[in-house]
Amino acid sequence: MAIEANQIVSIEYEVRDGEKLVDGNVGGAPLVFMFGKGQIIPGLENGIKEMAIGEKGDVLVKAADAYGEYNAEAKQEVPKEQFAGIDLEVGMTLYGQGEDGGTVQVVVNEIGAESVIIDFNHPLAGKDLMFTVTINNVREATAEEAMTGIPAENKPSDDGCCGSGGGSGCGCH
C-alpha cells in the first residue's frame, strides 16, 4: 500500500556519498515527517512512497532530487572583518541570517589577507546519494497535524523536548 500525502511517516536511515557515511539515525530517534509536504528531500520521498511498514530498501537519489546541482557561481567574497572573533578554517561550516530572515549555511572556501570566499552550495550539492531506509511506521495525521503540518512527535513537550527520542536524551538536538 502506497504512502499517501499528509500521512505521518517514521523512518530509520543511513545516507552515503559513495562509500562515505554522511548521515543517519540508525539506533537513534527516528525521522518523523508529514509525507508530501516537502519536509524531506524530494528524491527520498519519491523513493519510499511504495514501501510498507517494516520494509527496508536502498534508494538512490540523484543530485537534482537531493540538494541540487553544484552551482559554481554560488560563491561570494566577503571582507574578513565580517568574521571578527571567529577562528576561520577552510572547509568549516558557518550559519548566518539571509535576506529573508531565514538561516543560511555557508562553507569557507578560501581565506585571504583581506577577504574570505564563502560557498552557498549545500555541502552535498552535486552529489548522488544512496539512502538505506527502513519504514518504521505510517499513520494518518490527526486534525491538528493536518492543519499545522507538524507531526506530534516533533512538537516540543512541556519539558522543552520534542518528544521524538527515548531514554535520557531528547533525540531532537
N, C-alpha and C. Protein backbone atom coordinates (compact mmCIF):
# COMPACT_ATOMS: atom_id res chain seq x y z
N MET A 1 0.84 -1.18 0.00
CA MET A 1 0.00 0.00 0.00
C MET A 1 0.89 1.25 0.00
N ALA A 2 0.63 2.13 -0.91
CA ALA A 2 1.46 3.32 -1.07
C ALA A 2 1.24 4.30 0.08
N ILE A 3 2.31 5.00 0.43
CA ILE A 3 2.23 6.07 1.41
C ILE A 3 1.55 7.25 0.71
N GLU A 4 0.61 7.87 1.40
CA GLU A 4 -0.17 8.94 0.79
C GLU A 4 0.17 10.30 1.40
N ALA A 5 -0.12 11.33 0.64
CA ALA A 5 0.09 12.70 1.11
C ALA A 5 -0.62 12.91 2.44
N ASN A 6 0.03 13.67 3.31
CA ASN A 6 -0.47 14.05 4.63
C ASN A 6 -0.45 12.92 5.66
N GLN A 7 0.13 11.76 5.32
CA GLN A 7 0.31 10.73 6.34
C GLN A 7 1.60 11.03 7.09
N ILE A 8 1.66 10.57 8.34
CA ILE A 8 2.85 10.76 9.16
C ILE A 8 3.71 9.51 9.00
N VAL A 9 4.96 9.72 8.61
CA VAL A 9 5.89 8.63 8.31
C VAL A 9 7.07 8.71 9.27
N SER A 10 7.50 7.55 9.75
CA SER A 10 8.65 7.44 10.65
C SER A 10 9.66 6.51 9.99
N ILE A 11 10.89 7.00 9.81
CA ILE A 11 11.92 6.18 9.15
C ILE A 11 13.22 6.16 9.95
N GLU A 12 13.96 5.11 9.68
CA GLU A 12 15.35 4.99 10.13
C GLU A 12 16.16 4.96 8.84
N TYR A 13 17.30 5.67 8.82
CA TYR A 13 18.04 5.75 7.56
C TYR A 13 19.54 5.91 7.79
N GLU A 14 20.27 5.60 6.74
CA GLU A 14 21.68 5.97 6.59
C GLU A 14 21.81 6.52 5.19
N VAL A 15 22.66 7.54 5.02
CA VAL A 15 22.88 8.09 3.69
C VAL A 15 24.38 8.11 3.42
N ARG A 16 24.73 7.68 2.21
CA ARG A 16 26.13 7.60 1.81
C ARG A 16 26.37 8.39 0.53
N ASP A 17 27.56 9.00 0.50
CA ASP A 17 28.08 9.64 -0.70
C ASP A 17 29.19 8.70 -1.14
N GLY A 18 28.89 7.83 -2.09
CA GLY A 18 29.84 6.77 -2.44
C GLY A 18 29.93 5.81 -1.27
N GLU A 19 31.13 5.59 -0.77
CA GLU A 19 31.33 4.69 0.38
C GLU A 19 31.27 5.43 1.71
N LYS A 20 31.27 6.75 1.67
CA LYS A 20 31.34 7.57 2.89
C LYS A 20 29.95 7.77 3.51
N LEU A 21 29.79 7.36 4.77
CA LEU A 21 28.57 7.61 5.51
C LEU A 21 28.53 9.08 5.87
N VAL A 22 27.47 9.81 5.44
CA VAL A 22 27.40 11.24 5.71
C VAL A 22 26.33 11.60 6.74
N ASP A 23 25.38 10.71 6.98
CA ASP A 23 24.35 10.99 7.97
C ASP A 23 23.54 9.73 8.21
N GLY A 24 22.84 9.73 9.32
CA GLY A 24 21.96 8.60 9.62
C GLY A 24 21.44 8.71 11.03
N ASN A 25 20.43 7.87 11.30
CA ASN A 25 19.84 7.85 12.64
C ASN A 25 19.63 6.43 13.15
N VAL A 26 20.30 5.46 12.55
CA VAL A 26 20.14 4.07 12.95
C VAL A 26 20.53 3.93 14.42
N GLY A 27 19.63 3.34 15.19
CA GLY A 27 19.87 3.18 16.61
C GLY A 27 19.49 4.40 17.44
N GLY A 28 19.06 5.45 16.78
CA GLY A 28 18.66 6.68 17.48
C GLY A 28 17.19 6.96 17.25
N ALA A 29 16.81 8.20 17.47
CA ALA A 29 15.42 8.61 17.27
C ALA A 29 15.08 8.57 15.78
N PRO A 30 13.90 8.08 15.43
CA PRO A 30 13.52 8.04 14.01
C PRO A 30 13.28 9.44 13.46
N LEU A 31 13.36 9.56 12.15
CA LEU A 31 12.99 10.79 11.47
C LEU A 31 11.49 10.69 11.20
N VAL A 32 10.72 11.66 11.72
CA VAL A 32 9.26 11.66 11.57
C VAL A 32 8.88 12.90 10.78
N PHE A 33 8.05 12.71 9.74
CA PHE A 33 7.67 13.82 8.88
C PHE A 33 6.30 13.57 8.27
N MET A 34 5.70 14.64 7.76
CA MET A 34 4.43 14.52 7.05
C MET A 34 4.74 14.34 5.57
N PHE A 35 4.29 13.25 5.02
CA PHE A 35 4.55 12.91 3.63
C PHE A 35 3.85 13.91 2.70
N GLY A 36 4.57 14.31 1.65
CA GLY A 36 4.00 15.18 0.63
C GLY A 36 4.08 16.67 0.94
N LYS A 37 4.77 17.04 2.00
CA LYS A 37 4.86 18.45 2.39
C LYS A 37 6.25 19.04 2.17
N GLY A 38 7.14 18.30 1.51
CA GLY A 38 8.47 18.83 1.24
C GLY A 38 9.35 18.90 2.47
N GLN A 39 9.08 18.07 3.47
CA GLN A 39 9.86 18.09 4.70
C GLN A 39 11.13 17.27 4.62
N ILE A 40 11.26 16.43 3.58
CA ILE A 40 12.50 15.71 3.30
C ILE A 40 12.81 15.94 1.82
N ILE A 41 14.01 15.58 1.40
CA ILE A 41 14.39 15.83 0.00
C ILE A 41 13.45 15.05 -0.94
N PRO A 42 13.10 15.65 -2.08
CA PRO A 42 12.11 15.07 -2.98
C PRO A 42 12.46 13.66 -3.47
N GLY A 43 13.70 13.41 -3.79
CA GLY A 43 14.09 12.10 -4.30
C GLY A 43 13.90 10.99 -3.29
N LEU A 44 14.14 11.28 -2.02
CA LEU A 44 13.93 10.28 -0.97
C LEU A 44 12.44 10.04 -0.77
N GLU A 45 11.67 11.12 -0.72
CA GLU A 45 10.23 10.97 -0.54
C GLU A 45 9.63 10.14 -1.67
N ASN A 46 10.02 10.44 -2.89
CA ASN A 46 9.53 9.69 -4.04
C ASN A 46 9.99 8.22 -3.98
N GLY A 47 11.20 8.00 -3.50
CA GLY A 47 11.76 6.65 -3.46
C GLY A 47 11.14 5.73 -2.42
N ILE A 48 10.48 6.30 -1.40
CA ILE A 48 9.89 5.45 -0.36
C ILE A 48 8.38 5.33 -0.48
N LYS A 49 7.76 6.02 -1.42
CA LYS A 49 6.29 6.09 -1.46
C LYS A 49 5.61 4.74 -1.62
N GLU A 50 6.27 3.76 -2.20
CA GLU A 50 5.66 2.44 -2.38
C GLU A 50 6.10 1.44 -1.31
N MET A 51 6.88 1.90 -0.33
CA MET A 51 7.35 1.00 0.72
C MET A 51 6.29 0.84 1.81
N ALA A 52 6.36 -0.29 2.52
CA ALA A 52 5.40 -0.60 3.58
C ALA A 52 6.10 -0.61 4.93
N ILE A 53 5.31 -0.55 6.00
CA ILE A 53 5.85 -0.60 7.36
C ILE A 53 6.71 -1.86 7.52
N GLY A 54 7.91 -1.69 8.07
CA GLY A 54 8.83 -2.79 8.28
C GLY A 54 9.74 -3.08 7.10
N GLU A 55 9.46 -2.49 5.96
CA GLU A 55 10.26 -2.73 4.76
C GLU A 55 11.55 -1.92 4.81
N LYS A 56 12.64 -2.54 4.34
CA LYS A 56 13.94 -1.88 4.26
C LYS A 56 14.38 -1.91 2.81
N GLY A 57 14.95 -0.81 2.35
CA GLY A 57 15.40 -0.77 0.97
C GLY A 57 16.42 0.32 0.74
N ASP A 58 17.06 0.23 -0.42
CA ASP A 58 18.03 1.24 -0.84
C ASP A 58 17.36 2.17 -1.85
N VAL A 59 17.60 3.44 -1.69
CA VAL A 59 17.02 4.45 -2.58
C VAL A 59 18.16 5.34 -3.07
N LEU A 60 18.43 5.29 -4.37
CA LEU A 60 19.43 6.16 -4.98
C LEU A 60 18.75 7.48 -5.33
N VAL A 61 19.28 8.57 -4.80
CA VAL A 61 18.72 9.89 -5.06
C VAL A 61 19.76 10.69 -5.85
N LYS A 62 19.39 11.04 -7.06
CA LYS A 62 20.27 11.84 -7.92
C LYS A 62 20.38 13.26 -7.35
N ALA A 63 21.50 13.91 -7.63
CA ALA A 63 21.77 15.24 -7.09
C ALA A 63 20.62 16.22 -7.30
N ALA A 64 20.03 16.20 -8.49
CA ALA A 64 18.95 17.14 -8.80
C ALA A 64 17.75 16.96 -7.88
N ASP A 65 17.54 15.75 -7.38
CA ASP A 65 16.41 15.45 -6.49
C ASP A 65 16.82 15.40 -5.03
N ALA A 66 18.06 15.81 -4.75
CA ALA A 66 18.56 15.83 -3.38
C ALA A 66 18.81 17.29 -3.00
N TYR A 67 20.06 17.72 -3.08
CA TYR A 67 20.41 19.09 -2.70
C TYR A 67 20.76 19.95 -3.91
N GLY A 68 20.39 19.48 -5.10
CA GLY A 68 20.58 20.24 -6.32
C GLY A 68 21.97 20.07 -6.90
N GLU A 69 22.12 20.57 -8.10
CA GLU A 69 23.41 20.54 -8.76
C GLU A 69 24.31 21.59 -8.13
N TYR A 70 25.61 21.36 -8.21
CA TYR A 70 26.57 22.32 -7.68
C TYR A 70 26.57 23.55 -8.57
N ASN A 71 26.46 24.73 -7.98
CA ASN A 71 26.45 25.98 -8.72
C ASN A 71 27.76 26.72 -8.43
N ALA A 72 28.67 26.72 -9.40
CA ALA A 72 29.98 27.35 -9.23
C ALA A 72 29.87 28.85 -8.98
N GLU A 73 28.75 29.45 -9.34
CA GLU A 73 28.57 30.89 -9.15
C GLU A 73 27.99 31.24 -7.77
N ALA A 74 27.71 30.23 -6.97
CA ALA A 74 27.12 30.47 -5.65
C ALA A 74 28.20 30.70 -4.59
N LYS A 75 29.16 31.52 -4.96
CA LYS A 75 30.25 31.87 -4.05
C LYS A 75 30.29 33.38 -3.91
N GLN A 76 30.80 33.84 -2.79
CA GLN A 76 30.87 35.27 -2.57
C GLN A 76 32.13 35.61 -1.81
N GLU A 77 32.75 36.71 -2.21
CA GLU A 77 33.93 37.23 -1.49
C GLU A 77 33.42 38.24 -0.48
N VAL A 78 33.79 38.03 0.79
CA VAL A 78 33.30 38.85 1.89
C VAL A 78 34.50 39.42 2.63
N PRO A 79 34.42 40.69 3.07
CA PRO A 79 35.52 41.24 3.85
C PRO A 79 35.79 40.40 5.11
N LYS A 80 37.04 40.14 5.37
CA LYS A 80 37.44 39.30 6.51
C LYS A 80 36.95 39.87 7.83
N GLU A 81 36.83 41.19 7.91
CA GLU A 81 36.40 41.83 9.16
C GLU A 81 34.99 41.41 9.59
N GLN A 82 34.20 40.89 8.65
CA GLN A 82 32.85 40.42 9.00
C GLN A 82 32.89 39.14 9.83
N PHE A 83 34.05 38.54 9.93
CA PHE A 83 34.20 37.29 10.69
C PHE A 83 35.01 37.51 11.96
N ALA A 84 35.04 38.74 12.46
CA ALA A 84 35.80 39.07 13.67
C ALA A 84 35.36 38.16 14.82
N GLY A 85 36.34 37.63 15.51
CA GLY A 85 36.06 36.76 16.65
C GLY A 85 35.86 35.31 16.29
N ILE A 86 35.91 34.98 15.00
CA ILE A 86 35.75 33.59 14.57
C ILE A 86 37.10 33.08 14.08
N ASP A 87 37.52 31.94 14.62
CA ASP A 87 38.77 31.32 14.20
C ASP A 87 38.49 30.54 12.92
N LEU A 88 38.61 31.20 11.79
CA LEU A 88 38.24 30.62 10.50
C LEU A 88 39.20 29.51 10.07
N GLU A 89 38.60 28.48 9.45
CA GLU A 89 39.37 27.40 8.84
C GLU A 89 38.72 27.06 7.52
N VAL A 90 39.52 26.74 6.50
CA VAL A 90 38.98 26.32 5.21
C VAL A 90 38.19 25.03 5.43
N GLY A 91 36.99 25.00 4.87
CA GLY A 91 36.13 23.83 4.98
C GLY A 91 35.11 23.90 6.10
N MET A 92 35.25 24.88 7.00
CA MET A 92 34.31 24.97 8.11
C MET A 92 32.96 25.49 7.63
N THR A 93 31.90 25.06 8.31
CA THR A 93 30.55 25.49 8.01
C THR A 93 30.15 26.59 8.97
N LEU A 94 29.58 27.65 8.41
CA LEU A 94 29.09 28.77 9.21
C LEU A 94 27.60 28.97 8.92
N TYR A 95 26.91 29.51 9.90
CA TYR A 95 25.48 29.79 9.73
C TYR A 95 25.25 31.27 9.96
N GLY A 96 24.38 31.83 9.15
CA GLY A 96 24.06 33.25 9.28
C GLY A 96 22.61 33.47 8.93
N GLN A 97 22.24 34.73 8.84
CA GLN A 97 20.87 35.08 8.52
C GLN A 97 20.81 35.62 7.11
N GLY A 98 19.91 35.06 6.32
CA GLY A 98 19.74 35.51 4.94
C GLY A 98 18.87 36.74 4.86
N GLU A 99 18.74 37.29 3.65
CA GLU A 99 17.94 38.49 3.44
C GLU A 99 16.48 38.30 3.82
N ASP A 100 16.00 37.05 3.73
CA ASP A 100 14.60 36.76 4.05
C ASP A 100 14.40 36.46 5.54
N GLY A 101 15.48 36.53 6.31
CA GLY A 101 15.39 36.26 7.75
C GLY A 101 15.65 34.82 8.11
N GLY A 102 15.72 33.94 7.11
CA GLY A 102 15.97 32.52 7.36
C GLY A 102 17.45 32.24 7.59
N THR A 103 17.72 31.04 8.06
CA THR A 103 19.10 30.62 8.31
C THR A 103 19.78 30.25 7.00
N VAL A 104 21.01 30.71 6.84
CA VAL A 104 21.81 30.41 5.65
C VAL A 104 23.06 29.68 6.11
N GLN A 105 23.37 28.60 5.40
CA GLN A 105 24.57 27.81 5.69
C GLN A 105 25.58 28.07 4.58
N VAL A 106 26.82 28.36 4.97
CA VAL A 106 27.90 28.56 4.01
C VAL A 106 29.13 27.77 4.45
N VAL A 107 29.98 27.49 3.48
CA VAL A 107 31.24 26.80 3.76
C VAL A 107 32.38 27.75 3.38
N VAL A 108 33.38 27.83 4.23
CA VAL A 108 34.54 28.68 3.97
C VAL A 108 35.42 27.97 2.93
N ASN A 109 35.63 28.63 1.78
CA ASN A 109 36.44 28.04 0.71
C ASN A 109 37.89 28.51 0.74
N GLU A 110 38.06 29.82 0.92
CA GLU A 110 39.40 30.40 0.91
C GLU A 110 39.47 31.51 1.94
N ILE A 111 40.65 31.66 2.54
CA ILE A 111 40.87 32.73 3.50
C ILE A 111 42.06 33.54 3.02
N GLY A 112 41.79 34.79 2.66
CA GLY A 112 42.85 35.68 2.20
C GLY A 112 43.21 36.67 3.29
N ALA A 113 44.15 37.54 2.99
CA ALA A 113 44.59 38.55 3.96
C ALA A 113 43.47 39.53 4.29
N GLU A 114 42.66 39.89 3.28
CA GLU A 114 41.62 40.90 3.47
C GLU A 114 40.21 40.38 3.29
N SER A 115 40.08 39.20 2.69
CA SER A 115 38.73 38.70 2.40
C SER A 115 38.64 37.18 2.57
N VAL A 116 37.38 36.72 2.60
CA VAL A 116 37.08 35.29 2.74
C VAL A 116 36.11 34.93 1.62
N ILE A 117 36.34 33.80 0.96
CA ILE A 117 35.41 33.33 -0.06
C ILE A 117 34.55 32.25 0.57
N ILE A 118 33.23 32.50 0.54
CA ILE A 118 32.28 31.53 1.10
C ILE A 118 31.44 30.92 -0.02
N ASP A 119 31.03 29.69 0.20
CA ASP A 119 30.27 28.92 -0.78
C ASP A 119 28.87 28.68 -0.22
N PHE A 120 27.86 29.12 -0.95
CA PHE A 120 26.46 28.98 -0.52
C PHE A 120 25.86 27.63 -0.91
N ASN A 121 26.58 26.81 -1.68
CA ASN A 121 26.07 25.49 -2.04
C ASN A 121 25.96 24.62 -0.78
N HIS A 122 24.94 23.78 -0.75
CA HIS A 122 24.85 22.79 0.33
C HIS A 122 26.07 21.87 0.18
N PRO A 123 26.66 21.40 1.29
CA PRO A 123 27.83 20.52 1.19
C PRO A 123 27.61 19.26 0.34
N LEU A 124 26.35 18.83 0.19
CA LEU A 124 26.06 17.64 -0.62
C LEU A 124 25.52 17.99 -2.01
N ALA A 125 25.56 19.27 -2.38
CA ALA A 125 25.11 19.68 -3.72
C ALA A 125 25.98 19.00 -4.77
N GLY A 126 25.33 18.58 -5.85
CA GLY A 126 26.05 17.95 -6.95
C GLY A 126 26.39 16.49 -6.71
N LYS A 127 25.91 15.92 -5.61
CA LYS A 127 26.25 14.53 -5.29
C LYS A 127 25.02 13.64 -5.33
N ASP A 128 25.20 12.46 -5.95
CA ASP A 128 24.17 11.43 -5.89
C ASP A 128 24.32 10.73 -4.55
N LEU A 129 23.21 10.47 -3.88
CA LEU A 129 23.24 9.90 -2.53
C LEU A 129 22.51 8.57 -2.48
N MET A 130 23.06 7.63 -1.72
CA MET A 130 22.41 6.33 -1.54
C MET A 130 21.87 6.25 -0.12
N PHE A 131 20.56 6.16 -0.01
CA PHE A 131 19.89 6.02 1.28
C PHE A 131 19.53 4.56 1.50
N THR A 132 19.79 4.06 2.70
CA THR A 132 19.26 2.78 3.14
C THR A 132 18.21 3.14 4.17
N VAL A 133 16.96 2.80 3.87
CA VAL A 133 15.82 3.27 4.65
C VAL A 133 14.98 2.10 5.15
N THR A 134 14.54 2.21 6.40
CA THR A 134 13.55 1.28 6.95
C THR A 134 12.33 2.11 7.34
N ILE A 135 11.15 1.66 6.90
CA ILE A 135 9.91 2.34 7.25
C ILE A 135 9.47 1.80 8.61
N ASN A 136 9.55 2.62 9.64
CA ASN A 136 9.15 2.20 10.98
C ASN A 136 7.65 2.25 11.17
N ASN A 137 7.02 3.32 10.66
CA ASN A 137 5.59 3.47 10.87
C ASN A 137 5.01 4.43 9.84
N VAL A 138 3.75 4.22 9.51
CA VAL A 138 2.98 5.12 8.67
C VAL A 138 1.60 5.20 9.33
N ARG A 139 1.14 6.42 9.58
CA ARG A 139 -0.18 6.57 10.20
C ARG A 139 -0.87 7.79 9.64
N GLU A 140 -2.17 7.84 9.87
CA GLU A 140 -2.94 9.00 9.46
C GLU A 140 -2.60 10.17 10.37
N ALA A 141 -2.62 11.36 9.83
CA ALA A 141 -2.37 12.56 10.63
C ALA A 141 -3.62 12.90 11.44
N THR A 142 -3.39 13.44 12.63
CA THR A 142 -4.51 13.96 13.41
C THR A 142 -4.98 15.25 12.75
N ALA A 143 -6.11 15.76 13.19
CA ALA A 143 -6.63 17.02 12.64
C ALA A 143 -5.63 18.15 12.85
N GLU A 144 -5.02 18.19 14.04
CA GLU A 144 -4.05 19.25 14.33
C GLU A 144 -2.81 19.11 13.45
N GLU A 145 -2.32 17.88 13.30
CA GLU A 145 -1.15 17.64 12.45
C GLU A 145 -1.44 18.03 11.00
N ALA A 146 -2.63 17.70 10.52
CA ALA A 146 -3.00 18.03 9.15
C ALA A 146 -3.04 19.55 8.96
N MET A 147 -3.50 20.26 9.99
CA MET A 147 -3.60 21.71 9.92
C MET A 147 -2.22 22.38 9.98
N THR A 148 -1.36 21.90 10.89
CA THR A 148 -0.06 22.54 11.10
C THR A 148 1.04 21.97 10.22
N GLY A 149 0.90 20.72 9.80
CA GLY A 149 1.95 20.05 9.04
C GLY A 149 3.07 19.52 9.93
N ILE A 150 2.89 19.60 11.25
CA ILE A 150 3.93 19.17 12.19
C ILE A 150 3.48 17.91 12.92
N PRO A 151 4.20 16.80 12.74
CA PRO A 151 3.86 15.58 13.47
C PRO A 151 3.97 15.80 14.98
N ALA A 152 3.09 15.17 15.74
CA ALA A 152 3.10 15.30 17.20
C ALA A 152 4.46 14.93 17.77
N GLU A 153 5.13 13.97 17.16
CA GLU A 153 6.44 13.53 17.64
C GLU A 153 7.50 14.63 17.56
N ASN A 154 7.26 15.63 16.74
CA ASN A 154 8.24 16.70 16.54
C ASN A 154 7.89 17.98 17.29
N LYS A 155 6.80 17.97 18.03
CA LYS A 155 6.41 19.16 18.80
C LYS A 155 7.10 19.15 20.14
N PRO A 156 7.55 20.31 20.61
CA PRO A 156 8.17 20.36 21.94
C PRO A 156 7.16 19.97 23.02
N SER A 157 7.63 19.22 24.00
CA SER A 157 6.77 18.87 25.13
C SER A 157 6.97 19.91 26.23
N ASP A 158 6.30 19.73 27.34
CA ASP A 158 6.39 20.68 28.44
C ASP A 158 7.80 20.82 28.99
N ASP A 159 8.62 19.77 28.83
CA ASP A 159 10.00 19.84 29.34
C ASP A 159 10.96 20.42 28.30
N GLY A 160 10.42 20.92 27.19
CA GLY A 160 11.25 21.54 26.17
C GLY A 160 11.79 20.57 25.14
N CYS A 161 11.49 19.30 25.31
CA CYS A 161 11.97 18.28 24.37
C CYS A 161 10.91 18.05 23.30
N CYS A 162 11.36 17.69 22.12
CA CYS A 162 10.41 17.46 21.04
C CYS A 162 9.69 16.14 21.16
N GLY A 163 10.18 15.25 22.01
CA GLY A 163 9.48 14.00 22.26
C GLY A 163 9.78 12.89 21.29
N SER A 164 10.68 13.11 20.34
CA SER A 164 10.94 12.07 19.35
C SER A 164 11.96 11.05 19.82
N GLY A 165 12.63 11.33 20.91
CA GLY A 165 13.65 10.39 21.38
C GLY A 165 13.21 9.67 22.62
N GLY A 166 13.99 8.69 23.00
CA GLY A 166 13.69 7.95 24.22
C GLY A 166 14.86 8.05 25.15
N GLY A 167 14.74 7.39 26.27
CA GLY A 167 15.85 7.36 27.23
C GLY A 167 16.11 8.72 27.82
N SER A 168 17.36 8.97 28.16
CA SER A 168 17.69 10.22 28.83
C SER A 168 17.84 11.39 27.88
N GLY A 169 18.06 11.10 26.60
CA GLY A 169 18.25 12.20 25.64
C GLY A 169 16.94 12.60 25.01
N CYS A 170 16.95 13.77 24.47
CA CYS A 170 15.75 14.31 23.83
C CYS A 170 15.59 13.73 22.43
N GLY A 171 16.69 13.53 21.74
CA GLY A 171 16.63 12.99 20.38
C GLY A 171 16.34 14.03 19.32
N CYS A 172 16.19 15.30 19.71
CA CYS A 172 15.85 16.32 18.72
C CYS A 172 16.92 17.39 18.56
N HIS A 173 17.99 17.28 19.29
CA HIS A 173 19.02 18.32 19.20
C HIS A 173 20.35 17.74 18.82
